[in-house]
Amino acid sequence: MKYIKQIAACLLGLCLILSAFSCGQYNDPLYRPDATNENETIAEDQTEAGDDDSFSVTLTLNGEPFVPSEEEPLNAQWTDGFSFHAATFDENGKATISGLDGDYQVTLSSVPEGLAYNPNVHTADNINRHIEIPLYEIIKTRGDGSDEYHCISLNTPGVYQVTLNGPRDKVFYEFRPLENGQYSVESWMDVTANSINPRLDVYTGTFAAKWFAYELDDGGAASQYTKNFCHNVKISDEEIGNVFTFAVKSDTRDNKYPVTVTFVVQFNGGFSWDRTKATLILPTENFKHAPDYDKNLYDFVGAEISMGSFSLFDGDRFALNEEDGYYHLIDEATGKPTGPILFAKISQPCRFFDDAFTAIEYRGNKALTVSNNTENYKLFIEGWSAMMSMGQSMDMGYFCAVNCPCWTKGECPGACVEGCENCTEQCTPCPPEAIGASGYAGYCNTDGCYPVTEELKEFLQKYSISQLLFRDGQGFVETHESIKAFATEADQWLFACGYYVEK
């Protein structure tokens, strides 16, 4: 029996070395037996640093050595599938053990709060005895992810975590790519622990319309019970700006909850991309409150014209009136833009959506960031006061992160101007001219409308393009249940527009 175990251990080590990688990680069938298994032995902490035959583990964070705190000690763990060995990290951040011989998978007993690592890719053997395990900061998210239309928005590749409270609990996410290439979403659950089985629901569609496609229960590292998911998405140039949506859920071997699932979003096998933060767009409009129209005397009608079985948005019917700075319906008799003023729905939903522009980001997405995520129209629409009050009510800052020293000490209103030396890397510097700036929503009439200006028209056009509202007959507006409106490329901006006509 002893020799059979040795042969099996050698074969297992060979499998660890030669196993194929999936989503940049190996798909390992290693199964750690329960502690009651007679084949498992636990080695006590051994730290003979001078032993030439010793194995060791060190940790890094952001490329720098990481030393666990004395208050939260943790162990490095080696297993060959039969025996299990552990050593505590010392004051130098090194865990050392002697007496090992063979091929081992290396994991950690725990991870400091706010950090994570991939427990399924680190191996050691008689040739490579000393290894480093990189730790990664968990990116904080906003929102509750209650369904596919109230997703948590993930804005950058990196490591994330979600807490699930039962087998039917699932949290929805959407990710908006900035570049073409290969993206993946992979769970990082320890296959040697073999206690949690994460799963993924995959959705197709766009931000505005989504459909469940299938459940994913494999693709990543696996053991007898734990099978990590790995979802690959290839993004073409035409798909940049769209979102891909998924929901994370999990089963547990002992049916104990809550559980925490760690997963990573990668871009071309890495966690980051080179990008600049989106430019915050400020309105130039000299605002005045939009007029109200007596509902007993006027109806608000859409900007489209009926073509029988469908409707058409025709931008040639409207033009900018240079005298007031608003778009008007062109007078057929004179050919001049002197007809009714064209309005856009801002603080109330237009006919195609359930949310107004002022509420569309409450779901945790970045829908108001357009032009391939280079232009941020959030302040343009909502205004400074609304942005700040919403952030404070949710105990979250839009500009300053929740751990920003300036905010926690009460030294700023939730935003620090560019050049602040105390802000964290997660903070978004605020242009000085943005502080106190007004947005279109603050001047809408009781119908949630504001007259269409040139800059408002530009936003509506960019928004439509970013959300694929019109896409060769398959866009959200084009497939609407009741309206089914179409537009040329240049006329998409009219989707949220209409004007008042006398009854």
Protein backbone atom coordinates (compact mmCIF):
# COMPACT_ATOMS: atom_id res chain seq x y z
CA MET A 1 0.00 0.00 0.00
CA LYS A 2 2.89 2.37 0.84
CA TYR A 3 4.36 2.02 -2.65
CA ILE A 4 0.98 2.39 -4.29
CA LYS A 5 0.53 5.72 -2.49
CA GLN A 6 3.97 6.90 -3.59
CA ILE A 7 3.24 6.01 -7.22
CA ALA A 8 -0.16 7.77 -7.03
CA ALA A 9 1.46 10.86 -5.52
CA CYS A 10 4.02 11.00 -8.35
CA LEU A 11 1.28 10.68 -10.96
CA LEU A 12 -0.71 13.41 -9.23
CA GLY A 13 2.28 15.73 -9.26
CA LEU A 14 2.82 15.05 -12.95
CA CYS A 15 -0.84 15.89 -13.61
CA LEU A 16 -0.42 19.19 -11.73
CA ILE A 17 2.53 20.14 -13.90
CA LEU A 18 1.11 19.06 -17.26
CA SER A 19 -2.58 19.87 -16.75
CA ALA A 20 -4.12 22.15 -19.36
CA PHE A 21 -4.86 25.72 -18.35
CA SER A 22 -8.39 27.09 -18.64
CA CYS A 23 -9.05 30.86 -18.46
CA GLY A 24 -5.35 31.21 -17.71
CA GLN A 25 -5.59 28.69 -14.85
CA TYR A 26 -5.12 24.92 -14.75
CA ASN A 27 -8.08 22.59 -14.55
CA ASP A 28 -6.99 20.39 -11.67
CA PRO A 29 -8.97 17.33 -10.52
CA LEU A 30 -7.21 17.31 -7.14
CA TYR A 31 -9.44 16.28 -4.25
CA ARG A 32 -8.41 16.80 -0.66
CA PRO A 33 -9.95 14.04 1.50
CA ASP A 34 -11.87 14.92 4.64
CA ALA A 35 -9.84 15.15 7.84
CA THR A 36 -11.24 11.79 8.94
CA ASN A 37 -9.79 10.01 5.92
CA GLU A 38 -7.23 7.48 7.05
CA ASN A 39 -4.90 8.43 4.19
CA GLU A 40 -4.47 12.03 5.39
CA THR A 41 -1.75 13.06 7.81
CA ILE A 42 -1.26 16.56 9.21
CA ALA A 43 2.29 17.81 9.73
CA GLU A 44 2.94 20.30 12.53
CA ASP A 45 4.47 23.73 11.88
CA GLN A 46 8.13 23.33 11.00
CA THR A 47 10.32 26.36 10.36
CA GLU A 48 13.89 25.19 9.86
CA ALA A 49 14.92 28.02 7.55
CA GLY A 50 18.45 26.73 7.23
CA ASP A 51 17.45 23.33 5.90
CA ASP A 52 18.53 23.07 2.25
CA ASP A 53 15.71 20.59 1.65
CA SER A 54 13.06 22.92 3.06
CA PHE A 55 10.05 24.24 1.15
CA SER A 56 8.92 27.85 1.62
CA VAL A 57 6.22 30.33 0.67
CA THR A 58 6.36 34.12 0.62
CA LEU A 59 3.54 36.54 -0.16
CA THR A 60 3.40 39.67 -2.32
CA LEU A 61 0.89 42.49 -2.74
CA ASN A 62 1.18 44.89 -5.67
CA GLY A 63 4.60 43.44 -6.40
CA GLU A 64 5.94 44.14 -2.90
CA PRO A 65 6.58 41.64 -0.07
CA PHE A 66 3.60 41.18 2.23
CA VAL A 67 3.97 40.25 5.92
CA PRO A 68 0.83 38.99 7.71
CA SER A 69 0.03 40.75 10.97
CA GLU A 70 0.64 39.06 14.30
CA GLU A 71 -3.01 39.63 15.17
CA GLU A 72 -4.13 37.62 12.13
CA PRO A 73 -1.59 34.82 11.64
CA LEU A 74 -2.04 32.52 8.69
CA ASN A 75 -0.46 29.32 7.41
CA ALA A 76 0.88 28.06 4.14
CA GLN A 77 -0.43 24.59 3.32
CA TRP A 78 1.06 21.82 1.16
CA THR A 79 -0.90 18.76 0.00
CA ASP A 80 -0.04 15.94 -2.37
CA GLY A 81 -3.56 14.54 -2.32
CA PHE A 82 -2.81 12.19 0.58
CA SER A 83 -0.88 14.11 3.22
CA PHE A 84 -1.45 17.64 4.40
CA HIS A 85 1.25 19.92 5.88
CA ALA A 86 1.17 23.44 7.32
CA ALA A 87 3.62 26.14 8.43
CA THR A 88 2.96 29.60 9.89
CA PHE A 89 4.29 32.76 8.26
CA ASP A 90 6.98 34.32 10.45
CA GLU A 91 7.82 37.97 11.18
CA ASN A 92 9.65 38.14 7.84
CA GLY A 93 6.60 37.02 5.90
CA LYS A 94 7.97 33.55 5.13
CA ALA A 95 6.48 30.12 5.86
CA THR A 96 9.08 27.35 5.87
CA ILE A 97 8.72 23.60 6.31
CA SER A 98 11.12 20.64 6.06
CA GLY A 99 10.62 16.95 5.45
CA LEU A 100 8.60 17.24 2.25
CA ASP A 101 9.42 15.09 -0.76
CA GLY A 102 7.40 15.15 -3.96
CA ASP A 103 4.86 17.32 -5.72
CA TYR A 104 2.44 19.52 -3.80
CA GLN A 105 -0.35 21.98 -4.34
CA VAL A 106 0.11 25.04 -2.11
CA THR A 107 -2.73 27.04 -0.54
CA LEU A 108 -3.26 29.43 2.37
CA SER A 109 -5.25 28.76 5.52
CA SER A 110 -6.93 32.16 5.24
CA VAL A 111 -6.48 35.56 3.61
CA PRO A 112 -6.43 39.00 5.29
CA GLU A 113 -9.68 40.93 4.95
CA GLY A 114 -9.94 42.86 1.71
CA LEU A 115 -7.48 40.59 -0.10
CA ALA A 116 -7.75 37.43 -2.18
CA TYR A 117 -5.58 34.98 -4.10
CA ASN A 118 -6.01 32.17 -6.58
CA PRO A 119 -5.84 28.97 -4.49
CA ASN A 120 -5.64 26.63 -7.47
CA VAL A 121 -2.47 27.51 -9.38
CA HIS A 122 0.43 27.30 -6.94
CA THR A 123 2.56 24.15 -6.89
CA ALA A 124 5.91 23.14 -5.42
CA ASP A 125 8.20 20.16 -5.94
CA ASN A 126 11.73 19.02 -5.17
CA ILE A 127 13.13 21.33 -7.85
CA ASN A 128 10.87 24.37 -7.26
CA ARG A 129 10.59 24.35 -3.47
CA HIS A 130 10.40 28.10 -2.83
CA ILE A 131 7.40 29.91 -4.30
CA GLU A 132 5.65 33.28 -4.12
CA ILE A 133 1.90 33.68 -3.86
CA PRO A 134 0.56 37.07 -5.03
CA LEU A 135 -2.32 38.61 -3.13
CA TYR A 136 -4.82 40.93 -4.82
CA GLU A 137 -6.99 43.71 -3.51
CA ILE A 138 -10.70 43.02 -3.78
CA ILE A 139 -12.47 45.74 -5.74
CA LYS A 140 -15.49 47.15 -3.90
CA THR A 141 -18.78 47.36 -5.77
CA ARG A 142 -22.00 49.35 -5.55
CA GLY A 143 -25.59 48.15 -5.78
CA ASP A 144 -27.39 44.96 -4.80
CA GLY A 145 -27.52 43.11 -8.14
CA SER A 146 -31.07 41.93 -7.54
CA ASP A 147 -31.87 41.05 -11.16
CA GLU A 148 -30.57 41.39 -14.71
CA TYR A 149 -31.84 44.98 -14.95
CA HIS A 150 -30.47 45.99 -11.55
CA CYS A 151 -26.94 44.73 -12.01
CA ILE A 152 -23.80 45.63 -10.12
CA SER A 153 -21.56 47.35 -12.64
CA LEU A 154 -17.97 46.10 -12.87
CA ASN A 155 -15.90 48.83 -14.47
CA THR A 156 -12.42 47.33 -14.54
CA PRO A 157 -10.80 43.90 -14.72
CA GLY A 158 -9.81 42.66 -11.28
CA VAL A 159 -10.79 40.52 -8.31
CA TYR A 160 -14.27 40.68 -6.79
CA GLN A 161 -16.20 38.92 -4.02
CA VAL A 162 -19.86 38.26 -3.38
CA THR A 163 -21.66 36.92 -0.31
CA LEU A 164 -24.49 34.46 -0.99
CA ASN A 165 -27.08 33.60 1.64
CA GLY A 166 -28.57 30.42 0.23
CA PRO A 167 -28.67 28.01 -2.72
CA ARG A 168 -31.29 30.14 -4.49
CA ASP A 169 -29.50 33.43 -3.87
CA LYS A 170 -27.71 34.96 -6.83
CA VAL A 171 -26.21 38.35 -7.57
CA PHE A 172 -26.25 39.94 -11.03
CA TYR A 173 -23.30 41.76 -12.61
CA GLU A 174 -22.58 43.48 -15.90
CA PHE A 175 -19.23 44.39 -17.38
CA ARG A 176 -18.65 47.00 -20.07
CA PRO A 177 -15.49 46.34 -22.15
CA LEU A 178 -13.36 49.28 -23.23
CA GLU A 179 -11.28 47.39 -25.78
CA ASN A 180 -11.65 44.47 -28.15
CA GLY A 181 -10.10 41.21 -27.05
CA GLN A 182 -10.68 38.16 -24.89
CA TYR A 183 -12.44 38.58 -21.53
CA SER A 184 -13.09 35.94 -18.92
CA VAL A 185 -15.00 35.63 -15.66
CA GLU A 186 -13.60 32.86 -13.45
CA SER A 187 -14.31 31.76 -9.88
CA TRP A 188 -11.43 31.20 -7.45
CA MET A 189 -12.74 28.64 -4.98
CA ASP A 190 -10.27 26.28 -3.32
CA VAL A 191 -10.54 22.83 -4.92
CA THR A 192 -8.55 21.25 -2.08
CA ALA A 193 -11.20 22.38 0.42
CA ASN A 194 -13.79 20.83 -1.89
CA SER A 195 -16.74 22.37 -0.04
CA ILE A 196 -18.23 25.10 -2.27
CA ASN A 197 -19.40 24.74 -5.86
CA PRO A 198 -19.87 28.14 -7.60
CA ARG A 199 -22.08 28.46 -10.67
CA LEU A 200 -22.76 31.18 -13.22
CA ASP A 201 -25.89 32.19 -15.12
CA VAL A 202 -24.95 33.73 -18.46
CA TYR A 203 -27.15 36.33 -20.20
CA THR A 204 -27.15 37.68 -23.73
CA GLY A 205 -28.40 41.01 -25.09
CA THR A 206 -27.58 44.62 -24.30
CA PHE A 207 -27.92 46.93 -21.32
CA ALA A 208 -31.52 47.61 -22.26
CA ALA A 209 -32.68 44.08 -23.16
CA LYS A 210 -31.28 40.84 -21.71
CA TRP A 211 -32.10 37.15 -22.01
CA PHE A 212 -30.98 34.16 -19.97
CA ALA A 213 -28.74 31.94 -22.10
CA TYR A 214 -27.41 29.06 -19.97
CA GLU A 215 -25.91 28.00 -16.64
CA LEU A 216 -22.14 27.45 -16.45
CA ASP A 217 -20.74 24.99 -13.91
CA ASP A 218 -17.24 24.25 -15.18
CA GLY A 219 -14.30 25.54 -17.18
CA GLY A 220 -11.99 26.38 -14.26
CA ALA A 221 -10.05 24.36 -11.71
CA ALA A 222 -12.06 21.42 -10.38
CA SER A 223 -12.12 18.66 -7.79
CA GLN A 224 -14.70 16.04 -6.87
CA TYR A 225 -17.28 18.58 -5.64
CA THR A 226 -15.88 22.05 -6.36
CA LYS A 227 -15.99 22.95 -10.05
CA ASN A 228 -14.96 26.53 -10.73
CA PHE A 229 -16.76 28.27 -13.57
CA CYS A 230 -14.92 30.08 -16.33
CA HIS A 231 -16.90 32.19 -18.81
CA ASN A 232 -15.07 33.44 -21.92
CA VAL A 233 -16.30 36.40 -23.95
CA LYS A 234 -14.67 37.63 -27.15
CA ILE A 235 -15.35 41.31 -27.87
CA SER A 236 -15.04 42.72 -31.39
CA ASP A 237 -14.65 46.40 -32.33
CA GLU A 238 -18.38 46.58 -33.04
CA GLU A 239 -19.25 45.28 -29.55
CA ILE A 240 -17.19 47.80 -27.57
CA GLY A 241 -19.53 49.79 -25.34
CA ASN A 242 -22.03 46.98 -24.95
CA VAL A 243 -22.23 45.02 -21.69
CA PHE A 244 -22.10 41.32 -20.92
CA THR A 245 -24.21 40.16 -17.99
CA PHE A 246 -23.91 37.25 -15.59
CA ALA A 247 -25.19 36.13 -12.18
CA VAL A 248 -23.09 34.37 -9.54
CA LYS A 249 -24.61 31.67 -7.33
CA SER A 250 -23.34 28.69 -5.36
CA ASP A 251 -24.07 25.34 -3.76
CA THR A 252 -22.32 24.07 -0.64
CA ARG A 253 -21.45 20.53 0.35
CA ASP A 254 -22.79 20.91 3.90
CA ASN A 255 -25.58 23.39 2.99
CA LYS A 256 -24.09 26.02 5.34
CA TYR A 257 -24.53 29.69 4.42
CA PRO A 258 -23.60 32.47 4.00
CA VAL A 259 -20.63 31.75 1.75
CA THR A 260 -18.25 34.10 -0.02
CA VAL A 261 -17.40 33.47 -3.65
CA THR A 262 -14.28 35.07 -5.11
CA PHE A 263 -14.15 35.64 -8.85
CA VAL A 264 -11.91 37.51 -11.24
CA VAL A 265 -12.60 39.42 -14.46
CA GLN A 266 -9.61 39.24 -16.77
CA PHE A 267 -8.72 40.97 -20.03
CA ASN A 268 -6.44 39.01 -22.37
CA GLY A 269 -5.29 36.95 -19.39
CA GLY A 270 -4.53 39.96 -17.16
CA PHE A 271 -6.27 42.03 -14.52
CA SER A 272 -5.82 45.51 -15.94
CA TRP A 273 -5.81 47.60 -19.06
CA ASP A 274 -4.21 50.91 -19.82
CA ARG A 275 -6.94 53.52 -19.83
CA THR A 276 -7.65 57.05 -18.78
CA LYS A 277 -10.61 58.01 -16.67
CA ALA A 278 -13.61 59.34 -18.53
CA THR A 279 -13.80 63.09 -18.97
CA LEU A 280 -16.54 64.66 -16.85
CA ILE A 281 -18.77 66.60 -19.25
CA LEU A 282 -20.24 69.85 -17.91
CA PRO A 283 -23.25 71.58 -19.48
CA THR A 284 -22.81 74.99 -21.09
CA GLU A 285 -26.53 75.77 -21.19
CA ASN A 286 -27.66 78.98 -19.48
CA PHE A 287 -30.43 77.16 -17.65
CA LYS A 288 -33.93 78.43 -17.11
CA HIS A 289 -36.85 76.35 -15.96
CA ALA A 290 -38.69 74.61 -18.77
CA PRO A 291 -42.28 75.79 -19.19
CA ASP A 292 -45.21 73.67 -18.08
CA TYR A 293 -48.06 72.95 -20.48
CA ASP A 294 -51.64 72.66 -19.38
CA LYS A 295 -52.58 69.00 -19.82
CA ASN A 296 -56.16 70.01 -20.51
CA LEU A 297 -55.02 71.94 -23.56
CA TYR A 298 -51.91 70.09 -24.79
CA ASP A 299 -50.74 66.56 -25.51
CA PHE A 300 -47.09 65.46 -25.52
CA VAL A 301 -46.42 63.42 -28.68
CA GLY A 302 -43.34 61.47 -29.73
CA ALA A 303 -40.95 62.81 -32.33
CA GLU A 304 -41.52 59.85 -34.69
CA ILE A 305 -43.92 59.72 -37.60
CA SER A 306 -46.16 56.76 -38.35
CA MET A 307 -45.33 54.69 -41.43
CA GLY A 308 -48.18 52.24 -40.97
CA SER A 309 -46.84 49.08 -39.31
CA PHE A 310 -43.86 50.93 -37.84
CA SER A 311 -42.68 54.42 -36.92
CA LEU A 312 -39.70 56.44 -38.14
CA PHE A 313 -37.52 59.05 -36.48
CA ASP A 314 -36.70 61.66 -39.10
CA GLY A 315 -34.18 64.30 -38.04
CA ASP A 316 -34.91 66.43 -41.11
CA ARG A 317 -38.18 67.47 -39.47
CA PHE A 318 -36.33 69.42 -36.76
CA ALA A 319 -33.68 72.12 -36.70
CA LEU A 320 -31.94 74.43 -34.25
CA ASN A 321 -33.54 77.82 -33.78
CA GLU A 322 -30.61 80.20 -33.35
CA GLU A 323 -32.70 82.77 -31.50
CA ASP A 324 -33.59 80.63 -28.46
CA GLY A 325 -30.97 77.87 -28.82
CA TYR A 326 -33.55 75.06 -28.93
CA TYR A 327 -34.59 72.55 -31.58
CA HIS A 328 -38.03 73.14 -33.10
CA LEU A 329 -40.31 71.37 -35.49
CA ILE A 330 -39.78 72.90 -38.92
CA ASP A 331 -42.72 74.93 -40.20
CA GLU A 332 -43.76 73.32 -43.48
CA ALA A 333 -44.93 76.64 -44.91
CA THR A 334 -41.71 78.58 -44.28
CA GLY A 335 -39.14 75.79 -43.96
CA LYS A 336 -37.84 77.41 -40.78
CA PRO A 337 -37.57 75.95 -37.23
CA THR A 338 -40.37 78.01 -35.77
CA GLY A 339 -42.81 75.23 -34.92
CA PRO A 340 -43.28 73.63 -31.48
CA ILE A 341 -40.19 73.30 -29.29
CA LEU A 342 -38.67 69.82 -29.19
CA PHE A 343 -38.27 68.44 -25.65
CA ALA A 344 -36.32 65.49 -24.24
CA LYS A 345 -37.44 63.36 -21.31
CA ILE A 346 -34.77 63.75 -18.61
CA SER A 347 -36.15 63.37 -15.08
CA GLN A 348 -39.01 61.07 -16.07
CA PRO A 349 -38.75 57.88 -18.17
CA CYS A 350 -39.23 58.11 -21.89
CA ARG A 351 -41.55 55.58 -23.51
CA PHE A 352 -38.83 52.99 -24.12
CA PHE A 353 -37.40 52.63 -20.60
CA ASP A 354 -38.55 52.12 -17.04
CA ASP A 355 -35.93 54.51 -15.63
CA ALA A 356 -35.34 58.19 -16.24
CA PHE A 357 -31.82 59.39 -17.06
CA THR A 358 -31.65 60.74 -13.52
CA ALA A 359 -32.22 57.27 -12.02
CA ILE A 360 -30.68 54.98 -14.60
CA GLU A 361 -27.37 54.66 -12.72
CA TYR A 362 -28.98 53.82 -9.38
CA ARG A 363 -28.67 50.18 -10.43
CA GLY A 364 -24.91 50.47 -10.08
CA ASN A 365 -24.06 50.75 -13.79
CA LYS A 366 -22.24 53.46 -15.78
CA ALA A 367 -24.92 54.05 -18.39
CA LEU A 368 -24.25 57.81 -18.54
CA THR A 369 -20.61 57.23 -19.51
CA VAL A 370 -20.58 57.04 -23.31
CA SER A 371 -18.26 57.33 -26.33
CA ASN A 372 -16.49 54.05 -25.54
CA ASN A 373 -16.35 55.04 -21.87
CA THR A 374 -14.41 58.24 -22.49
CA GLU A 375 -17.13 60.81 -21.68
CA ASN A 376 -19.06 60.92 -18.39
CA TYR A 377 -22.40 62.76 -18.60
CA LYS A 378 -23.58 62.03 -15.06
CA LEU A 379 -23.13 65.59 -13.74
CA PHE A 380 -24.37 66.95 -17.09
CA ILE A 381 -27.71 65.22 -16.44
CA GLU A 382 -28.07 65.06 -12.65
CA GLY A 383 -26.21 68.14 -11.42
CA TRP A 384 -23.80 68.44 -8.51
CA SER A 385 -26.34 68.58 -5.68
CA ALA A 386 -28.19 65.44 -6.78
CA MET A 387 -24.95 63.48 -7.20
CA MET A 388 -23.71 64.43 -3.74
CA SER A 389 -27.00 63.79 -1.93
CA MET A 390 -27.39 60.36 -3.52
CA GLY A 391 -23.85 59.36 -2.61
CA GLN A 392 -24.31 60.42 1.01
CA SER A 393 -27.65 58.66 1.34
CA MET A 394 -26.00 55.44 0.12
CA ASP A 395 -22.93 56.03 2.32
CA MET A 396 -20.86 56.06 -0.85
CA GLY A 397 -19.02 58.80 -2.63
CA TYR A 398 -19.01 59.37 -6.35
CA PHE A 399 -15.69 61.21 -6.40
CA CYS A 400 -14.11 60.29 -3.06
CA ALA A 401 -13.98 56.61 -2.11
CA VAL A 402 -15.52 55.63 1.21
CA ASN A 403 -12.05 55.24 2.75
CA CYS A 404 -10.78 58.63 1.55
CA PRO A 405 -9.16 60.43 4.52
CA CYS A 406 -10.58 63.77 3.38
CA TRP A 407 -14.14 62.47 3.46
CA THR A 408 -13.90 60.39 6.62
CA LYS A 409 -12.44 63.39 8.49
CA GLY A 410 -15.12 65.73 7.17
CA GLU A 411 -12.61 67.82 5.26
CA CYS A 412 -14.48 67.65 1.95
CA PRO A 413 -18.13 67.31 0.81
CA GLY A 414 -17.44 63.99 -0.88
CA ALA A 415 -15.23 65.32 -3.65
CA CYS A 416 -11.67 66.59 -3.73
CA VAL A 417 -10.35 68.75 -6.53
CA GLU A 418 -7.59 67.52 -8.80
CA GLY A 419 -4.19 67.60 -7.11
CA CYS A 420 -5.34 66.56 -3.63
CA GLU A 421 -2.48 64.64 -1.99
CA ASN A 422 -4.61 62.81 0.58
CA CYS A 423 -7.03 60.98 -1.72
CA THR A 424 -6.71 57.27 -2.38
CA GLU A 425 -6.12 55.61 -5.75
CA GLN A 426 -9.81 54.68 -5.80
CA CYS A 427 -10.87 58.35 -5.65
CA THR A 428 -11.83 60.24 -8.80
CA PRO A 429 -10.44 63.78 -8.81
CA CYS A 430 -13.12 66.41 -9.31
CA PRO A 431 -12.54 69.34 -11.68
CA PRO A 432 -12.92 72.61 -9.71
CA GLU A 433 -15.50 73.92 -12.17
CA ALA A 434 -17.71 70.89 -11.48
CA ILE A 435 -18.32 71.78 -7.84
CA GLY A 436 -21.82 73.21 -7.55
CA ALA A 437 -22.54 72.87 -11.28
CA SER A 438 -26.14 72.50 -12.41
CA GLY A 439 -27.51 69.67 -14.54
CA TYR A 440 -30.40 69.46 -16.96
CA ALA A 441 -32.60 67.56 -14.51
CA GLY A 442 -32.79 70.52 -12.14
CA TYR A 443 -34.64 72.65 -14.71
CA CYS A 444 -37.14 70.19 -16.19
CA ASN A 445 -40.87 70.89 -16.22
CA THR A 446 -43.41 68.77 -14.35
CA ASP A 447 -43.32 66.22 -17.20
CA GLY A 448 -39.58 65.71 -16.67
CA CYS A 449 -38.78 67.49 -19.95
CA TYR A 450 -36.24 70.09 -21.04
CA PRO A 451 -35.95 71.73 -24.48
CA VAL A 452 -33.38 70.03 -26.72
CA THR A 453 -30.19 72.07 -27.06
CA GLU A 454 -27.28 71.23 -29.33
CA GLU A 455 -25.29 69.67 -26.47
CA LEU A 456 -28.32 67.72 -25.25
CA LYS A 457 -28.82 66.36 -28.75
CA GLU A 458 -25.18 65.23 -28.79
CA PHE A 459 -25.61 63.39 -25.50
CA LEU A 460 -28.77 61.61 -26.68
CA GLN A 461 -27.02 60.50 -29.88
CA LYS A 462 -24.00 59.17 -27.96
CA TYR A 463 -26.22 57.42 -25.43
CA SER A 464 -28.18 55.65 -28.14
CA ILE A 465 -24.99 54.46 -29.81
CA SER A 466 -23.45 53.23 -26.55
CA GLN A 467 -26.58 51.29 -25.59
CA LEU A 468 -27.18 49.90 -29.10
CA LEU A 469 -30.75 51.20 -29.17
CA PHE A 470 -30.74 50.93 -32.95
CA ARG A 471 -28.87 48.00 -34.44
CA ASP A 472 -29.94 46.89 -37.90
CA GLY A 473 -33.48 46.17 -36.74
CA GLN A 474 -32.38 44.32 -33.57
CA GLY A 475 -31.93 47.30 -31.22
CA PHE A 476 -34.04 47.82 -28.12
CA VAL A 477 -36.06 50.68 -29.61
CA GLU A 478 -36.53 48.86 -32.90
CA THR A 479 -37.93 45.78 -31.17
CA HIS A 480 -40.15 47.61 -28.67
CA GLU A 481 -43.43 45.78 -28.02
CA SER A 482 -45.77 48.58 -29.08
CA ILE A 483 -43.86 51.36 -30.87
CA LYS A 484 -41.23 49.63 -33.08
CA ALA A 485 -39.51 52.80 -34.23
CA PHE A 486 -36.58 52.96 -36.64
CA ALA A 487 -34.02 55.66 -37.38
CA THR A 488 -31.07 56.35 -39.62
CA GLU A 489 -27.64 56.48 -37.97
CA ALA A 490 -27.77 60.28 -37.62
CA ASP A 491 -31.31 60.43 -36.22
CA GLN A 492 -31.03 58.08 -33.22
CA TRP A 493 -31.07 60.98 -30.75
CA LEU A 494 -34.79 61.48 -31.26
CA PHE A 495 -35.72 58.35 -29.25
CA ALA A 496 -36.29 60.36 -26.03
CA CYS A 497 -37.84 63.39 -27.70
CA GLY A 498 -41.29 64.80 -28.32
CA TYR A 499 -43.25 68.05 -28.46
CA TYR A 500 -46.50 69.55 -27.26
CA VAL A 501 -49.48 69.95 -29.60
CA GLU A 502 -52.79 71.58 -28.94
CA LYS A 503 -55.73 69.22 -28.44
